[in-house]
Amino acid sequence: MFDVNKIREDFPMIRNNPGLVYFDNGATSWKPQAVIDAVNGFWTGYNSNVERGDYPIAAKADSAYLNTRKIISRFIGCRPEEVVFTANVSASINQIVYGVGKWLKEGDTVLVTEAEHASNLLPWFRLRKEKGINIEYIPVDRQGRAHIEDVRKALHEGVRAVSMAYVTNVLGSVQPIKEIAEAAHEYGALMIVDGAQSVPHRKTDVRDLDVDFMGFSSHKMCGPDGVGVLYGKYDLLQKMEPVFMGGGMNARFYSGFDYILKDAPERFEAGTPNIEGVIGLGAAAEYLMSVGMDDIEAYEKELRAYFAGRIAQLDNIEFYNPDNETGPVTFNAKDVFAQDAAGFLASRNIAVRSGNHCAKILHEVIGTDQTLRASLYFYNTKDEVDRFIEAAKEISVENAIGIFF
């Protein structure tokens, strides 16, 4: 049974910061003790490189590292050899775009939306400059949602890939990825998914979704920073060229300048990886599965609905995504610059994110460049929402400026 108070006992940051309301989980989540213990266990018990040593602690490191592939394969519903470890979702998507870009030619089209994070736009923008591909936008509504009818209208014979977030990072829009993947495949297009804001919050089955590639980050799902996952269908990974070349990812190279790469996933993991981070990621995924992803999603929907209902009643707040059931609560205090409002909330020991959240063209949809984002996770509570609401009532130009004087 889901018990948020019991769950909160697992997080040292909650114990060590009892007065802090942390609503910046969309940027980075807190870590349970199980993850901290897993990382410390590596550092203090079997600290060694992987795939390099023939001694006992190296074998233990190998086993723990490889076991995380199996854990992640269970977590997202794929084969272990379809799990590539990267630095973060940005690195994952850059690898995907680099690899897919080798298969594209001038005039080929990639579909994206205006609600995408920079990580899912800028690599495509660069490819457009380098190879002359076309980038076309699938329209989204004011809540950032792409509707399947509009996706079908946007698809045409020249489309080679559709690339979008499952859950958008500013408005929390849940895109109909399974239906979009089916439509894309009817045109022979690849389906590429940014799972940064979805995988930590809902049960993910990449086989059921039938996506071709997906990237997500450890630090947004209770794991260490500096670790990401690239999922790809195995036959596609086998054909894809890696961005990085070096030790560990090659089977052989010769003085005659020829080389042979290892099979996926190792061909994408050049050099010494973030071993402790990968092991911590495995512990984080196991922790989330022990809590239950369905229970996490249900609790977060309930908590967000409560938050949305309360913030919608504030006359001094403009609320941008009231109709979405998941993701962050995105808002501005009327007539107050977003960063000043965030500073005022920080003075009340409430942590939110301000700015454009790396989605710099979304303002063309919602009409503003800067917002505040309160992003929840399953260890947040209604009491914390109530504290936020009481503080938010007081946000004004005078009060926000007053904290600096």
Protein backbone atom coordinates (compact mmCIF):
# COMPACT_ATOMS: atom_id res chain seq x y z
CA MET A 1 0.00 0.00 0.00
CA PHE A 2 1.32 3.44 -0.94
CA ASP A 3 2.24 5.40 2.19
CA VAL A 4 3.90 8.74 1.43
CA ASN A 5 4.97 9.29 5.04
CA LYS A 6 6.71 5.91 5.09
CA ILE A 7 8.34 6.68 1.73
CA ARG A 8 9.65 10.01 3.00
CA GLU A 9 11.64 8.14 5.65
CA ASP A 10 13.76 6.67 2.85
CA PHE A 11 15.14 10.07 1.78
CA PRO A 12 17.96 11.64 3.81
CA MET A 13 17.43 15.01 2.11
CA ILE A 14 13.97 15.16 3.65
CA ARG A 15 15.30 14.31 7.10
CA ASN A 16 18.20 16.76 6.76
CA ASN A 17 16.10 19.63 5.38
CA PRO A 18 12.86 19.42 7.39
CA GLY A 19 11.74 22.94 6.56
CA LEU A 20 12.35 22.81 2.81
CA VAL A 21 9.56 22.31 0.28
CA TYR A 22 11.31 20.87 -2.74
CA PHE A 23 9.28 21.32 -5.92
CA ASP A 24 12.12 21.13 -8.44
CA ASN A 25 11.96 17.42 -9.15
CA GLY A 26 11.65 17.97 -12.90
CA ALA A 27 15.26 19.16 -12.81
CA THR A 28 16.70 16.70 -10.28
CA SER A 29 15.08 14.29 -7.85
CA TRP A 30 16.25 13.35 -4.38
CA LYS A 31 17.92 9.99 -3.70
CA PRO A 32 16.68 7.27 -1.35
CA GLN A 33 19.08 5.63 1.09
CA ALA A 34 19.13 2.49 -1.06
CA VAL A 35 20.77 4.42 -3.90
CA ILE A 36 23.27 6.10 -1.59
CA ASP A 37 24.16 2.71 -0.10
CA ALA A 38 24.65 1.16 -3.54
CA VAL A 39 27.05 3.92 -4.62
CA ASN A 40 28.92 3.89 -1.32
CA GLY A 41 29.07 0.10 -1.47
CA PHE A 42 30.94 0.30 -4.76
CA TRP A 43 33.27 3.03 -3.55
CA THR A 44 34.10 1.29 -0.28
CA GLY A 45 33.84 -2.39 -1.16
CA TYR A 46 34.78 -3.14 -4.77
CA ASN A 47 36.00 0.08 -6.40
CA SER A 48 37.51 -1.07 -9.69
CA ASN A 49 37.22 -0.49 -13.41
CA VAL A 50 34.89 -2.72 -15.42
CA GLU A 51 35.82 -5.09 -18.23
CA ARG A 52 39.50 -4.48 -17.43
CA GLY A 53 40.48 -6.66 -14.44
CA ASP A 54 40.95 -10.36 -13.71
CA TYR A 55 40.78 -10.08 -9.92
CA PRO A 56 37.83 -10.58 -7.54
CA ILE A 57 36.72 -6.99 -6.92
CA ALA A 58 36.87 -6.28 -10.66
CA ALA A 59 34.64 -9.28 -11.27
CA LYS A 60 32.20 -7.93 -8.68
CA ALA A 61 32.20 -4.51 -10.38
CA ASP A 62 31.59 -6.19 -13.74
CA SER A 63 28.66 -8.11 -12.31
CA ALA A 64 27.05 -5.07 -10.67
CA TYR A 65 27.47 -2.95 -13.80
CA LEU A 66 26.05 -5.59 -16.13
CA ASN A 67 23.24 -6.37 -13.71
CA THR A 68 21.97 -2.80 -14.11
CA ARG A 69 21.31 -3.54 -17.79
CA LYS A 70 19.05 -6.38 -16.67
CA ILE A 71 17.32 -4.16 -14.13
CA ILE A 72 16.68 -1.40 -16.68
CA SER A 73 15.47 -3.97 -19.21
CA ARG A 74 12.82 -5.04 -16.69
CA PHE A 75 12.06 -1.43 -15.84
CA ILE A 76 11.23 -0.40 -19.42
CA GLY A 77 10.37 -3.77 -21.00
CA CYS A 78 13.23 -4.51 -23.39
CA ARG A 79 16.24 -6.80 -23.86
CA PRO A 80 19.37 -6.06 -21.79
CA GLU A 81 21.43 -5.65 -24.96
CA GLU A 82 19.09 -2.82 -25.99
CA VAL A 83 20.19 -0.74 -22.97
CA VAL A 84 23.06 1.68 -23.59
CA PHE A 85 24.51 3.73 -20.74
CA THR A 86 25.21 7.38 -21.51
CA ALA A 87 25.81 10.57 -19.51
CA ASN A 88 22.19 11.82 -19.57
CA VAL A 89 19.21 12.09 -21.89
CA SER A 90 20.94 14.89 -23.83
CA ALA A 91 23.81 12.53 -24.62
CA SER A 92 21.34 9.80 -25.53
CA ILE A 93 19.44 11.97 -28.00
CA ASN A 94 22.64 13.35 -29.49
CA GLN A 95 23.79 9.79 -30.13
CA ILE A 96 20.44 8.93 -31.68
CA VAL A 97 20.47 11.97 -33.94
CA TYR A 98 24.09 11.38 -34.95
CA GLY A 99 23.35 7.76 -35.81
CA VAL A 100 20.05 8.39 -37.56
CA GLY A 101 21.61 11.36 -39.35
CA LYS A 102 23.97 8.99 -41.15
CA TRP A 103 20.89 7.38 -42.73
CA LEU A 104 19.27 10.66 -43.82
CA LYS A 105 19.87 12.68 -46.96
CA GLU A 106 19.14 16.20 -48.07
CA GLY A 107 15.41 16.85 -48.28
CA ASP A 108 14.40 14.15 -45.79
CA THR A 109 12.01 15.40 -43.09
CA VAL A 110 12.00 15.06 -39.30
CA LEU A 111 8.87 16.00 -37.33
CA VAL A 112 9.12 17.63 -33.89
CA THR A 113 6.92 19.94 -31.81
CA GLU A 114 7.50 23.48 -30.54
CA ALA A 115 7.20 22.19 -26.96
CA GLU A 116 10.44 20.21 -27.08
CA HIS A 117 13.45 20.59 -24.79
CA ALA A 118 16.63 21.92 -26.37
CA SER A 119 18.11 18.41 -26.27
CA ASN A 120 15.48 17.22 -28.72
CA LEU A 121 15.74 20.23 -31.04
CA LEU A 122 19.31 21.50 -31.28
CA PRO A 123 20.84 18.22 -32.53
CA TRP A 124 18.23 18.20 -35.31
CA PHE A 125 18.90 21.90 -36.03
CA ARG A 126 22.58 21.12 -36.46
CA LEU A 127 21.78 18.21 -38.76
CA ARG A 128 19.61 20.54 -40.81
CA LYS A 129 22.62 22.85 -41.30
CA GLU A 130 25.00 20.00 -42.06
CA LYS A 131 22.87 17.80 -44.31
CA GLY A 132 19.99 19.95 -45.48
CA ILE A 133 17.23 17.90 -43.88
CA ASN A 134 13.82 19.48 -43.35
CA ILE A 135 12.41 20.04 -39.87
CA GLU A 136 8.65 20.46 -39.65
CA TYR A 137 6.54 21.12 -36.56
CA ILE A 138 3.56 19.12 -35.42
CA PRO A 139 1.10 21.66 -33.97
CA VAL A 140 0.27 21.54 -30.26
CA ASP A 141 -2.57 23.12 -28.34
CA ARG A 142 -2.24 25.68 -25.53
CA GLN A 143 -1.55 22.86 -23.08
CA GLY A 144 1.29 21.61 -25.28
CA ARG A 145 -0.53 18.49 -26.44
CA ALA A 146 -0.08 17.00 -29.90
CA HIS A 147 -3.27 15.42 -31.18
CA ILE A 148 -3.11 12.28 -33.27
CA GLU A 149 -5.21 13.86 -36.04
CA ASP A 150 -2.65 16.65 -36.40
CA VAL A 151 0.19 14.13 -36.40
CA ARG A 152 -1.45 12.23 -39.23
CA LYS A 153 -1.87 15.47 -41.19
CA ALA A 154 1.82 16.30 -40.66
CA LEU A 155 3.07 12.90 -41.83
CA HIS A 156 3.98 12.46 -45.49
CA GLU A 157 6.19 10.25 -47.64
CA GLY A 158 9.30 12.36 -47.01
CA VAL A 159 9.17 11.97 -43.21
CA ARG A 160 11.97 9.76 -41.91
CA ALA A 161 11.63 10.33 -38.17
CA VAL A 162 9.25 11.70 -35.55
CA SER A 163 11.01 12.93 -32.41
CA MET A 164 9.16 14.19 -29.33
CA ALA A 165 8.89 14.03 -25.57
CA TYR A 166 6.43 11.55 -24.07
CA VAL A 167 5.73 14.11 -21.31
CA THR A 168 6.82 17.69 -22.01
CA ASN A 169 9.06 19.34 -19.44
CA VAL A 170 7.25 22.68 -19.07
CA LEU A 171 3.54 21.91 -19.38
CA GLY A 172 3.53 18.20 -18.54
CA SER A 173 1.63 17.35 -21.70
CA VAL A 174 1.28 13.59 -22.20
CA GLN A 175 1.61 12.80 -25.87
CA PRO A 176 -0.15 9.76 -27.40
CA ILE A 177 3.16 8.08 -28.18
CA LYS A 178 1.81 4.62 -28.96
CA GLU A 179 -0.63 5.97 -31.54
CA ILE A 180 1.98 8.35 -32.97
CA ALA A 181 4.50 5.51 -33.29
CA GLU A 182 1.95 3.42 -35.17
CA ALA A 183 1.19 6.31 -37.52
CA ALA A 184 4.88 7.06 -38.05
CA HIS A 185 5.65 3.43 -38.86
CA GLU A 186 2.91 3.42 -41.51
CA TYR A 187 5.14 5.88 -43.38
CA GLY A 188 8.33 3.97 -42.60
CA ALA A 189 9.45 6.70 -40.19
CA LEU A 190 11.37 6.11 -36.97
CA MET A 191 9.77 6.99 -33.62
CA ILE A 192 12.21 8.69 -31.24
CA VAL A 193 11.13 9.59 -27.71
CA ASP A 194 12.53 11.88 -25.02
CA GLY A 195 11.53 10.01 -21.88
CA ALA A 196 13.17 12.35 -19.36
CA GLN A 197 9.89 13.46 -17.78
CA SER A 198 7.88 10.28 -18.34
CA VAL A 199 10.03 7.32 -17.32
CA PRO A 200 10.43 8.50 -13.67
CA HIS A 201 6.68 8.97 -13.23
CA ARG A 202 4.80 6.23 -15.11
CA LYS A 203 5.23 2.60 -16.03
CA THR A 204 7.06 2.41 -19.35
CA ASP A 205 6.93 -0.51 -21.78
CA VAL A 206 8.91 0.32 -24.91
CA ARG A 207 7.75 -2.83 -26.66
CA ASP A 208 4.11 -1.99 -26.13
CA LEU A 209 4.72 1.59 -27.25
CA ASP A 210 6.72 0.23 -30.22
CA VAL A 211 9.14 3.15 -30.17
CA ASP A 212 12.44 2.77 -32.01
CA PHE A 213 14.57 4.84 -29.64
CA MET A 214 14.12 6.43 -26.22
CA GLY A 215 16.41 8.37 -23.91
CA PHE A 216 16.06 9.14 -20.20
CA SER A 217 18.18 10.29 -17.25
CA SER A 218 19.06 8.73 -13.92
CA HIS A 219 19.01 11.96 -11.90
CA LYS A 220 15.31 12.55 -12.56
CA MET A 221 14.34 9.09 -11.25
CA CYS A 222 16.08 9.02 -7.84
CA GLY A 223 19.44 7.95 -9.28
CA PRO A 224 22.86 9.62 -9.46
CA ASP A 225 23.71 12.52 -11.74
CA GLY A 226 25.74 12.00 -14.90
CA VAL A 227 24.06 8.79 -16.05
CA GLY A 228 21.54 8.28 -18.81
CA VAL A 229 20.00 5.47 -20.80
CA LEU A 230 19.61 5.09 -24.53
CA TYR A 231 17.11 2.42 -25.49
CA GLY A 232 17.10 1.30 -29.10
CA LYS A 233 15.70 -1.66 -30.99
CA TYR A 234 18.62 -4.01 -31.31
CA ASP A 235 18.73 -4.24 -35.10
CA LEU A 236 18.84 -0.44 -35.29
CA LEU A 237 21.59 -0.20 -32.68
CA GLN A 238 23.63 -2.75 -34.58
CA LYS A 239 23.49 -0.58 -37.71
CA MET A 240 24.12 2.71 -35.91
CA GLU A 241 27.51 4.41 -35.78
CA PRO A 242 28.73 5.59 -32.36
CA VAL A 243 29.59 9.21 -31.61
CA PHE A 244 32.58 8.29 -29.45
CA MET A 245 35.40 5.94 -30.35
CA GLY A 246 37.99 4.52 -27.99
CA GLY A 247 38.71 1.82 -25.47
CA GLY A 248 36.12 -0.77 -24.62
CA MET A 249 33.89 -0.31 -27.64
CA ASN A 250 36.11 -1.94 -30.26
CA ALA A 251 36.78 -5.63 -30.83
CA ARG A 252 40.01 -5.06 -32.78
CA PHE A 253 41.95 -2.42 -34.70
CA TYR A 254 44.98 -2.69 -36.92
CA SER A 255 47.99 -0.71 -38.04
CA GLY A 256 46.41 -0.57 -41.48
CA PHE A 257 43.78 1.84 -40.06
CA ASP A 258 40.95 -0.67 -40.02
CA TYR A 259 38.85 -1.48 -36.97
CA ILE A 260 36.02 -3.74 -35.85
CA LEU A 261 33.40 -2.50 -33.38
CA LYS A 262 31.81 -4.59 -30.69
CA ASP A 263 28.13 -5.40 -30.89
CA ALA A 264 25.55 -3.17 -29.22
CA PRO A 265 25.35 -1.96 -26.53
CA GLU A 266 29.11 -1.96 -25.84
CA ARG A 267 29.91 -0.20 -29.13
CA PHE A 268 28.35 2.98 -27.70
CA GLU A 269 30.25 2.95 -24.39
CA ALA A 270 33.77 4.13 -25.18
CA GLY A 271 36.15 4.67 -22.28
CA THR A 272 35.64 4.20 -18.57
CA PRO A 273 31.95 4.70 -17.75
CA ASN A 274 30.38 6.26 -14.68
CA ILE A 275 30.43 2.89 -12.91
CA GLU A 276 29.14 4.03 -9.53
CA GLY A 277 26.45 6.07 -11.28
CA VAL A 278 25.26 3.09 -13.30
CA ILE A 279 25.14 0.93 -10.18
CA GLY A 280 23.19 3.68 -8.41
CA LEU A 281 20.80 3.87 -11.36
CA GLY A 282 20.13 0.16 -10.99
CA ALA A 283 19.35 0.65 -7.30
CA ALA A 284 17.04 3.58 -8.16
CA ALA A 285 15.09 1.54 -10.71
CA GLU A 286 14.72 -1.32 -8.25
CA TYR A 287 13.53 1.12 -5.60
CA LEU A 288 10.92 2.64 -7.91
CA MET A 289 9.69 -0.80 -8.93
CA SER A 290 9.42 -1.78 -5.25
CA VAL A 291 7.24 1.28 -4.60
CA GLY A 292 5.24 0.51 -7.76
CA MET A 293 5.15 2.69 -10.85
CA ASP A 294 1.37 2.48 -11.14
CA ASP A 295 1.03 3.62 -7.52
CA ILE A 296 3.52 6.44 -8.12
CA GLU A 297 1.56 7.66 -11.14
CA ALA A 298 -1.78 7.47 -9.33
CA TYR A 299 -0.49 9.34 -6.27
CA GLU A 300 1.14 12.06 -8.34
CA LYS A 301 -2.05 12.60 -10.35
CA GLU A 302 -4.00 13.01 -7.13
CA LEU A 303 -1.41 15.38 -5.66
CA ARG A 304 -1.22 17.46 -8.83
CA ALA A 305 -5.01 17.73 -9.03
CA TYR A 306 -5.03 19.04 -5.47
CA PHE A 307 -2.25 21.52 -6.30
CA ALA A 308 -4.00 22.66 -9.49
CA GLY A 309 -7.28 23.18 -7.69
CA ARG A 310 -5.68 25.36 -5.04
CA ILE A 311 -3.40 27.47 -7.27
CA ALA A 312 -6.25 28.15 -9.71
CA GLN A 313 -8.01 30.07 -6.93
CA LEU A 314 -5.20 32.61 -6.50
CA ASP A 315 -5.97 35.97 -8.12
CA ASN A 316 -2.29 36.97 -8.33
CA ILE A 317 -1.24 33.84 -10.25
CA GLU A 318 -1.50 33.01 -13.95
CA PHE A 319 -1.70 29.22 -14.30
CA TYR A 320 -0.67 27.93 -17.73
CA ASN A 321 -1.50 24.23 -17.68
CA PRO A 322 -4.64 23.64 -15.62
CA ASP A 323 -6.02 20.95 -17.92
CA ASN A 324 -3.06 18.56 -17.75
CA GLU A 325 -3.23 15.72 -15.24
CA THR A 326 0.49 15.10 -14.88
CA GLY A 327 3.79 16.93 -14.87
CA PRO A 328 4.68 20.29 -13.36
CA VAL A 329 2.40 23.10 -12.31
CA THR A 330 3.57 25.99 -14.49
CA PHE A 331 2.66 29.55 -13.59
CA ASN A 332 3.66 33.18 -13.21
CA ALA A 333 2.89 35.74 -10.56
CA LYS A 334 1.14 38.59 -12.34
CA ASP A 335 3.41 41.57 -13.08
CA VAL A 336 6.37 39.87 -11.35
CA PHE A 337 9.46 38.67 -13.22
CA ALA A 338 9.70 34.87 -12.87
CA GLN A 339 13.12 34.85 -11.24
CA ASP A 340 12.06 37.48 -8.71
CA ALA A 341 9.01 35.41 -7.82
CA ALA A 342 11.18 32.31 -7.44
CA GLY A 343 13.49 34.29 -5.18
CA PHE A 344 10.54 35.29 -3.01
CA LEU A 345 9.44 31.65 -2.72
CA ALA A 346 13.02 30.67 -1.87
CA SER A 347 12.91 33.18 0.98
CA ARG A 348 9.98 31.12 2.28
CA ASN A 349 12.07 27.92 1.94
CA ILE A 350 10.26 26.73 -1.18
CA ALA A 351 12.29 25.52 -4.17
CA VAL A 352 10.87 25.95 -7.67
CA ARG A 353 12.48 26.47 -11.08
CA SER A 354 12.25 29.74 -13.04
CA GLY A 355 13.16 30.61 -16.61
CA ASN A 356 12.34 29.06 -19.97
CA HIS A 357 13.32 25.54 -18.87
CA CYS A 358 15.38 24.87 -22.01
CA ALA A 359 12.19 25.10 -24.11
CA LYS A 360 12.96 28.44 -25.69
CA ILE A 361 10.40 28.35 -28.50
CA LEU A 362 7.47 27.24 -26.36
CA HIS A 363 6.64 30.91 -25.75
CA GLU A 364 5.31 30.91 -29.30
CA VAL A 365 2.60 28.57 -27.98
CA ILE A 366 1.89 29.92 -24.49
CA GLY A 367 2.74 33.58 -25.08
CA THR A 368 5.43 34.07 -22.44
CA ASP A 369 9.16 33.37 -22.36
CA GLN A 370 9.65 32.96 -18.62
CA THR A 371 7.63 30.87 -16.18
CA LEU A 372 7.88 29.24 -12.79
CA ARG A 373 7.68 25.46 -12.64
CA ALA A 374 6.69 23.52 -9.55
CA SER A 375 7.42 19.88 -10.32
CA LEU A 376 6.25 17.17 -7.96
CA TYR A 377 7.40 13.68 -7.12
CA PHE A 378 5.90 10.82 -5.14
CA TYR A 379 7.55 11.92 -1.87
CA ASN A 380 5.84 15.34 -1.91
CA THR A 381 2.71 15.93 0.17
CA LYS A 382 -0.47 17.98 0.32
CA ASP A 383 0.92 19.75 3.40
CA GLU A 384 3.80 20.99 1.24
CA VAL A 385 1.33 22.17 -1.39
CA ASP A 386 -0.54 24.08 1.31
CA ARG A 387 2.70 25.76 2.43
CA PHE A 388 3.40 26.73 -1.16
CA ILE A 389 -0.08 28.20 -1.61
CA GLU A 390 0.21 30.35 1.51
CA ALA A 391 3.54 31.71 0.27
CA ALA A 392 2.31 32.20 -3.31
CA LYS A 393 -0.55 34.37 -2.07
CA GLU A 394 2.04 36.90 -0.95
CA ILE A 395 3.97 37.19 -4.22
CA SER A 396 3.86 40.77 -5.46
CA VAL A 397 6.29 43.21 -7.03
CA GLU A 398 6.86 44.89 -3.68
CA ASN A 399 7.38 41.66 -1.72
CA ALA A 400 9.59 40.07 -4.38
CA ILE A 401 11.85 43.12 -4.60
CA GLY A 402 11.80 43.51 -0.82
CA ILE A 403 13.76 40.31 -0.24
CA PHE A 404 16.82 41.91 -1.88
CA PHE A 405 16.84 44.97 0.39
